[in-house]
Protein backbone atom coordinates (compact mmCIF):
# COMPACT_ATOMS: atom_id res chain seq x y z
CA MET A 1 84.58 174.14 167.79
CA ARG A 2 82.16 171.52 169.07
CA LEU A 3 80.24 172.58 172.10
CA TRP A 4 79.94 169.93 174.78
CA LEU A 5 76.96 170.24 177.08
CA ARG A 6 76.41 167.89 180.07
CA GLY A 7 73.37 166.54 181.76
CA LEU A 8 70.54 164.09 182.00
CA GLY A 9 67.16 165.66 181.24
CA LEU A 10 64.86 168.64 181.95
CA GLN A 11 61.18 168.26 182.75
CA ALA A 12 60.28 171.58 181.12
CA LEU A 13 61.58 170.46 177.80
CA ARG A 14 60.34 166.89 177.76
CA SER A 15 58.46 166.32 174.56
CA PHE A 16 55.57 163.97 173.78
CA TRP A 17 57.13 161.20 171.64
CA VAL A 18 55.64 157.88 170.55
CA VAL A 19 57.48 154.62 170.26
CA ARG A 20 58.02 154.78 166.52
CA GLY A 21 59.95 157.92 166.88
CA VAL A 22 57.77 160.79 165.63
CA HIS A 23 56.00 163.57 167.41
CA THR A 24 52.26 163.28 167.46
CA GLN A 25 50.78 165.27 170.42
CA VAL A 26 50.80 169.12 170.40
CA PRO A 27 51.65 170.46 173.88
CA PRO A 28 49.73 173.58 175.16
CA PRO A 29 51.45 176.87 174.40
CA PRO A 30 54.24 177.51 176.81
CA VAL A 31 55.07 180.77 178.59
CA PRO A 32 57.89 182.22 176.35
CA GLN A 33 59.95 183.97 179.07
CA LYS A 34 60.08 180.80 181.31
CA VAL A 35 60.94 178.50 178.46
CA LEU A 36 63.62 180.83 177.15
CA THR A 37 65.03 181.21 180.63
CA ASP A 38 65.18 177.45 180.97
CA TRP A 39 66.90 177.01 177.64
CA GLU A 40 69.39 179.82 178.45
CA ALA A 41 70.15 178.05 181.72
CA ILE A 42 70.98 174.84 179.83
CA CYS A 43 73.10 176.83 177.42
CA LEU A 44 75.13 178.26 180.37
CA GLY A 45 75.46 174.83 182.05
CA ARG A 46 73.12 175.70 184.96
CA GLN A 47 70.49 173.19 183.96
CA PRO A 48 70.89 169.61 182.68
CA VAL A 49 70.50 168.90 178.99
CA PRO A 50 67.28 167.17 177.97
CA GLU A 51 67.56 163.69 176.57
CA TYR A 52 65.63 164.66 173.44
CA PHE A 53 65.73 167.91 171.60
CA ASN A 54 64.83 169.11 168.09
CA PHE A 55 65.10 172.77 167.28
CA ALA A 56 62.38 172.64 164.61
CA HIS A 57 59.84 171.09 166.96
CA ASP A 58 60.87 172.44 170.34
CA MET A 59 61.57 176.01 169.20
CA LEU A 60 60.18 176.87 165.76
CA ASP A 61 56.87 175.12 166.32
CA MET A 62 56.53 176.77 169.69
CA TRP A 63 56.81 180.25 168.04
CA THR A 64 54.18 179.14 165.54
CA ARG A 65 51.75 178.26 168.32
CA LEU A 66 52.44 181.57 170.09
CA GLU A 67 52.05 183.42 166.75
CA LYS A 68 48.68 181.77 166.25
CA ALA A 69 47.57 182.62 169.85
CA GLY A 70 48.64 186.29 169.34
CA ASP A 71 51.37 185.97 171.99
CA ARG A 72 54.29 186.82 169.79
CA PRO A 73 55.08 190.34 168.40
CA SER A 74 53.80 190.85 164.85
CA GLY A 75 56.45 190.51 162.18
CA PRO A 76 57.97 187.88 159.97
CA ALA A 77 60.28 185.05 160.81
CA PHE A 78 62.13 185.23 157.52
CA TRP A 79 62.51 188.22 155.18
CA TRP A 80 64.45 187.89 151.97
CA VAL A 81 65.05 190.37 149.12
CA ASP A 82 67.17 190.18 145.89
CA GLY A 83 67.62 193.91 145.44
CA LYS A 84 65.70 193.77 142.18
CA GLY A 85 62.20 193.88 143.53
CA ALA A 86 61.64 190.24 144.55
CA GLU A 87 60.77 189.63 148.17
CA VAL A 88 59.92 186.63 150.36
CA LYS A 89 58.35 187.06 153.76
CA TRP A 90 57.44 184.01 155.97
CA SER A 91 55.71 184.06 159.28
CA TYR A 92 56.67 181.27 161.67
CA GLU A 93 53.50 179.42 160.60
CA GLU A 94 54.51 179.75 156.95
CA LEU A 95 58.08 178.69 157.72
CA GLY A 96 56.69 175.63 159.41
CA LYS A 97 54.45 174.81 156.51
CA GLN A 98 57.19 175.20 153.93
CA SER A 99 59.77 173.27 155.96
CA ARG A 100 57.34 170.38 156.35
CA LYS A 101 56.95 170.34 152.61
CA ALA A 102 60.70 170.41 152.17
CA ALA A 103 61.02 167.58 154.78
CA ASN A 104 58.69 165.41 152.63
CA VAL A 105 60.90 166.11 149.50
CA LEU A 106 64.00 164.87 151.47
CA GLY A 107 62.27 161.83 152.78
CA ASP A 108 60.11 160.86 149.76
CA ALA A 109 61.73 162.08 146.60
CA CYS A 110 65.31 161.58 147.96
CA GLY A 111 64.76 158.63 150.16
CA LEU A 112 66.78 160.07 153.01
CA GLN A 113 66.55 158.64 156.45
CA PRO A 114 67.51 159.89 159.86
CA GLY A 115 71.33 159.97 160.08
CA ASP A 116 71.81 160.24 156.32
CA ARG A 117 73.88 163.12 155.13
CA ILE A 118 73.12 165.86 152.48
CA MET A 119 75.51 168.48 151.14
CA LEU A 120 73.84 171.89 151.14
CA VAL A 121 75.68 174.21 148.74
CA LEU A 122 73.49 177.24 147.91
CA PRO A 123 73.93 181.02 147.64
CA ARG A 124 71.73 183.29 149.82
CA LEU A 125 68.45 181.88 148.59
CA PRO A 126 65.39 181.14 150.78
CA GLU A 127 65.79 177.47 150.03
CA TRP A 128 69.00 177.30 152.08
CA TRP A 129 67.13 178.14 155.31
CA LEU A 130 64.14 176.02 154.36
CA VAL A 131 66.30 172.88 153.70
CA SER A 132 68.18 173.53 156.97
CA VAL A 133 64.97 173.35 158.89
CA ALA A 134 63.85 170.36 156.88
CA CYS A 135 66.98 168.51 157.81
CA MET A 136 66.09 169.05 161.48
CA ARG A 137 62.57 167.68 160.93
CA THR A 138 63.85 164.57 159.24
CA GLY A 139 66.95 163.88 161.29
CA VAL A 140 69.10 164.25 158.12
CA VAL A 141 72.57 165.66 158.77
CA MET A 142 73.32 168.82 156.69
CA ILE A 143 76.78 169.58 155.39
CA PRO A 144 76.93 173.24 154.34
CA GLY A 145 79.52 174.30 151.79
CA VAL A 146 80.54 177.65 150.39
CA THR A 147 79.55 178.42 146.83
CA GLN A 148 83.22 178.78 145.75
CA LEU A 149 83.81 175.06 146.10
CA THR A 150 85.70 173.52 143.04
CA GLU A 151 85.21 170.09 141.56
CA LYS A 152 88.14 168.79 143.66
CA ASP A 153 86.59 170.33 146.75
CA LEU A 154 83.20 168.82 146.06
CA LYS A 155 84.58 165.40 145.19
CA TYR A 156 86.67 165.29 148.48
CA ARG A 157 83.73 166.37 150.61
CA LEU A 158 81.25 163.97 149.05
CA GLN A 159 83.65 161.05 149.33
CA VAL A 160 84.82 161.63 152.83
CA SER A 161 81.30 162.40 154.23
CA ARG A 162 79.58 159.66 152.24
CA ALA A 163 76.76 162.14 151.57
CA LYS A 164 73.76 160.48 149.93
CA SER A 165 72.39 163.70 148.45
CA ILE A 166 73.38 167.22 147.42
CA ILE A 167 71.27 170.29 146.83
CA THR A 168 72.82 173.20 144.86
CA SER A 169 72.12 175.80 142.18
CA ASP A 170 72.70 176.05 138.41
CA SER A 171 76.18 177.43 138.79
CA LEU A 172 77.60 174.42 140.66
CA ALA A 173 75.56 171.65 139.03
CA PRO A 174 78.03 171.14 136.22
CA HIS A 175 80.89 170.74 138.70
CA VAL A 176 78.88 168.03 140.55
CA ASP A 177 78.11 166.19 137.29
CA ALA A 178 81.80 166.12 136.42
CA ILE A 179 82.66 164.19 139.62
CA SER A 180 79.49 162.41 140.63
CA ASN A 181 80.62 159.13 139.09
CA GLU A 182 83.53 159.02 141.51
CA CYS A 183 81.15 159.52 144.53
CA PRO A 184 79.42 156.10 144.94
CA SER A 185 77.46 157.19 148.02
CA LEU A 186 75.69 159.96 146.05
CA GLN A 187 72.21 158.86 145.16
CA ALA A 188 69.99 162.01 144.79
CA LYS A 189 70.78 165.38 143.25
CA LEU A 190 68.46 168.33 143.92
CA LEU A 191 68.60 171.50 141.87
CA VAL A 192 67.24 174.83 143.08
CA SER A 193 66.35 176.43 139.72
CA ASP A 194 63.51 177.50 137.57
CA THR A 195 64.78 175.18 134.78
CA ARG A 196 65.42 171.45 134.62
CA ARG A 197 68.69 169.62 134.19
CA PRO A 198 69.14 165.96 133.19
CA GLY A 199 69.93 163.68 136.15
CA TRP A 200 68.70 166.11 138.64
CA MET A 201 65.39 166.62 140.58
CA ASN A 202 63.97 170.15 140.53
CA PHE A 203 63.50 171.07 144.22
CA ARG A 204 61.06 173.88 143.53
CA GLU A 205 58.75 171.71 141.50
CA LEU A 206 58.87 168.91 144.18
CA LEU A 207 58.23 171.44 146.95
CA GLN A 208 55.19 172.79 145.26
CA GLU A 209 53.68 169.37 144.99
CA ALA A 210 54.71 168.09 148.43
CA SER A 211 52.37 167.55 151.35
CA THR A 212 52.29 169.97 154.21
CA GLU A 213 51.75 167.10 156.63
CA HIS A 214 54.88 165.78 158.23
CA SER A 215 55.66 164.33 161.69
CA CYS A 216 58.96 165.58 163.14
CA VAL A 217 61.44 162.79 163.71
CA ARG A 218 62.50 162.11 167.32
CA THR A 219 66.04 163.26 167.84
CA LYS A 220 68.28 162.97 170.93
CA SER A 221 70.11 166.09 171.96
CA ARG A 222 73.44 164.58 171.09
CA ASP A 223 72.46 163.21 167.68
CA ALA A 224 74.23 164.84 164.81
CA LEU A 225 72.69 167.98 163.29
CA SER A 226 75.36 169.23 161.03
CA ILE A 227 78.87 168.73 159.80
CA TYR A 228 81.21 171.50 158.75
CA PHE A 229 84.52 171.00 157.02
CA THR A 230 87.51 172.96 158.26
CA SER A 231 89.26 175.32 155.90
CA GLY A 232 92.11 172.86 155.23
CA THR A 233 94.77 175.55 155.65
CA THR A 234 97.34 173.14 157.07
CA GLY A 235 96.15 169.91 155.51
CA ALA A 236 93.07 168.19 154.16
CA PRO A 237 89.77 169.66 155.50
CA LYS A 238 88.39 167.73 158.41
CA MET A 239 84.81 167.09 159.45
CA VAL A 240 83.50 168.68 162.60
CA GLU A 241 80.17 167.42 163.92
CA HIS A 242 77.64 169.56 165.82
CA SER A 243 74.66 168.11 167.71
CA HIS A 244 71.02 169.19 167.88
CA CYS A 245 71.53 170.57 171.37
CA SER A 246 75.04 172.12 170.93
CA TYR A 247 73.75 174.28 168.04
CA GLY A 248 70.16 174.30 168.91
CA LEU A 249 70.62 175.69 172.34
CA GLY A 250 74.34 176.72 172.23
CA PHE A 251 73.71 180.16 171.01
CA LEU A 252 70.74 181.27 173.04
CA ALA A 253 72.71 182.99 175.85
CA SER A 254 74.76 185.08 173.40
CA ALA A 255 71.58 185.86 171.40
CA ARG A 256 69.75 187.22 174.36
CA GLN A 257 72.54 188.64 176.57
CA TRP A 258 75.15 189.82 173.96
CA MET A 259 73.08 190.61 170.86
CA GLY A 260 69.97 191.52 172.79
CA LEU A 261 67.59 189.73 170.39
CA THR A 262 63.89 189.58 171.20
CA GLY A 263 60.70 188.52 169.44
CA SER A 264 60.53 191.94 167.70
CA SER A 265 64.15 191.97 166.48
CA VAL A 266 65.40 191.77 162.92
CA PHE A 267 68.86 190.23 162.50
CA TRP A 268 70.92 190.40 159.31
CA ASN A 269 74.10 188.29 158.72
CA THR A 270 75.96 189.04 155.45
CA THR A 271 78.21 185.93 155.68
CA ASP A 272 78.20 183.21 153.04
CA THR A 273 75.82 180.41 153.76
CA GLY A 274 78.63 177.91 153.77
CA TRP A 275 80.29 179.34 156.82
CA VAL A 276 79.37 178.39 160.31
CA LYS A 277 78.30 181.99 161.17
CA ALA A 278 75.28 181.52 158.88
CA ALA A 279 74.18 178.73 161.21
CA TRP A 280 74.93 180.77 164.33
CA THR A 281 72.50 183.43 163.05
CA LEU A 282 69.85 180.92 162.32
CA PHE A 283 69.89 179.47 165.86
CA SER A 284 70.41 182.83 167.53
CA ALA A 285 67.60 184.65 165.78
CA TRP A 286 65.00 181.86 165.57
CA GLY A 287 65.83 180.73 169.10
CA THR A 288 64.60 184.00 170.33
CA GLY A 289 61.66 184.34 167.95
CA SER A 290 63.42 187.06 166.00
CA CYS A 291 63.28 187.77 162.22
CA ILE A 292 66.14 186.74 159.94
CA PHE A 293 66.71 189.31 157.14
CA VAL A 294 68.65 188.18 154.05
CA HIS A 295 69.83 190.14 150.97
CA GLU A 296 70.72 187.82 148.18
CA MET A 297 73.74 190.07 147.22
CA PRO A 298 75.79 187.65 145.00
CA ARG A 299 78.89 189.74 145.67
CA VAL A 300 79.76 191.87 148.66
CA ASP A 301 78.58 195.38 147.79
CA THR A 302 79.21 198.12 150.49
CA LYS A 303 76.65 200.44 148.95
CA VAL A 304 73.92 197.76 149.18
CA ILE A 305 74.96 196.98 152.79
CA LEU A 306 74.86 200.63 153.79
CA ASN A 307 71.59 201.45 152.03
CA SER A 308 69.87 198.37 153.35
CA SER A 309 71.19 199.03 156.86
CA SER A 310 69.64 202.52 156.76
CA ASP A 311 66.36 200.90 155.96
CA LEU A 312 66.76 198.47 158.92
CA VAL A 313 67.20 201.04 161.64
CA GLY A 314 67.67 199.11 164.98
CA ALA A 315 68.33 195.76 163.35
CA GLY A 316 71.19 193.60 164.54
CA LYS A 317 73.90 192.86 161.97
CA CYS A 318 76.65 190.36 161.65
CA ALA A 319 79.33 190.20 158.97
């Protein structure tokens, strides 16, 4: 359900934006508790909504500055394992660096502009979270989808949304190829893979070569951040739009008051990346400076969940 927040602006959250629409000045490190209190007040409707807001710039980059200054508890921002020995751990600084590189891939290789739409259909791979943040930095609207989408599902969503790009994995690429000629808006196809596929750009190769320098696009609080399709139980799936502020700030109160997340928390959500709950976790955890834990787990495995849970004593969990 779309969250509607009212208001005009908030001095504590005003950003330094230049006329051409990118952020150029770095504000001094804020006091975390005061900023979080202000954001939570906005979420609860007790403070007006700022005119401009961007989760990547106003939240993630803040945690990076605090991390560098030693004012954030030690621990990663993102922690991913595949159960076979592979592991990825990013600090907030590394998350910022990698997401800026990903933003350059979207803007340069794919030619995407603010307001353009990209379908994001990936299993629980680190790239899903990376591209999500890159979309925030570029103003590109992400359209997540579950990995069980069929050719018919993909075609319908690409046609209705007029998405200009799609990023997916090896398993779904053949389905996209089968219907891409019927999707005239589709201009760029990104593949998250260690191999190449004709007609596709390899995201991992492009990411490795991309620059770490990127200026975050200026986004208004009410600008579109993401679009989710409904399940289509009683008819054709419908698009539901969420804004930078409704999702970027909308989960802060529940994150702090219900889930009790702090800068030293680890939060694990086992849901598929195509469901809205995956986004709820992203904004809840990273909005409070917590760590997101992800187990690739291609299929639900109760033994894996129980064993991993025992290793994450005290971590928050969401299924």
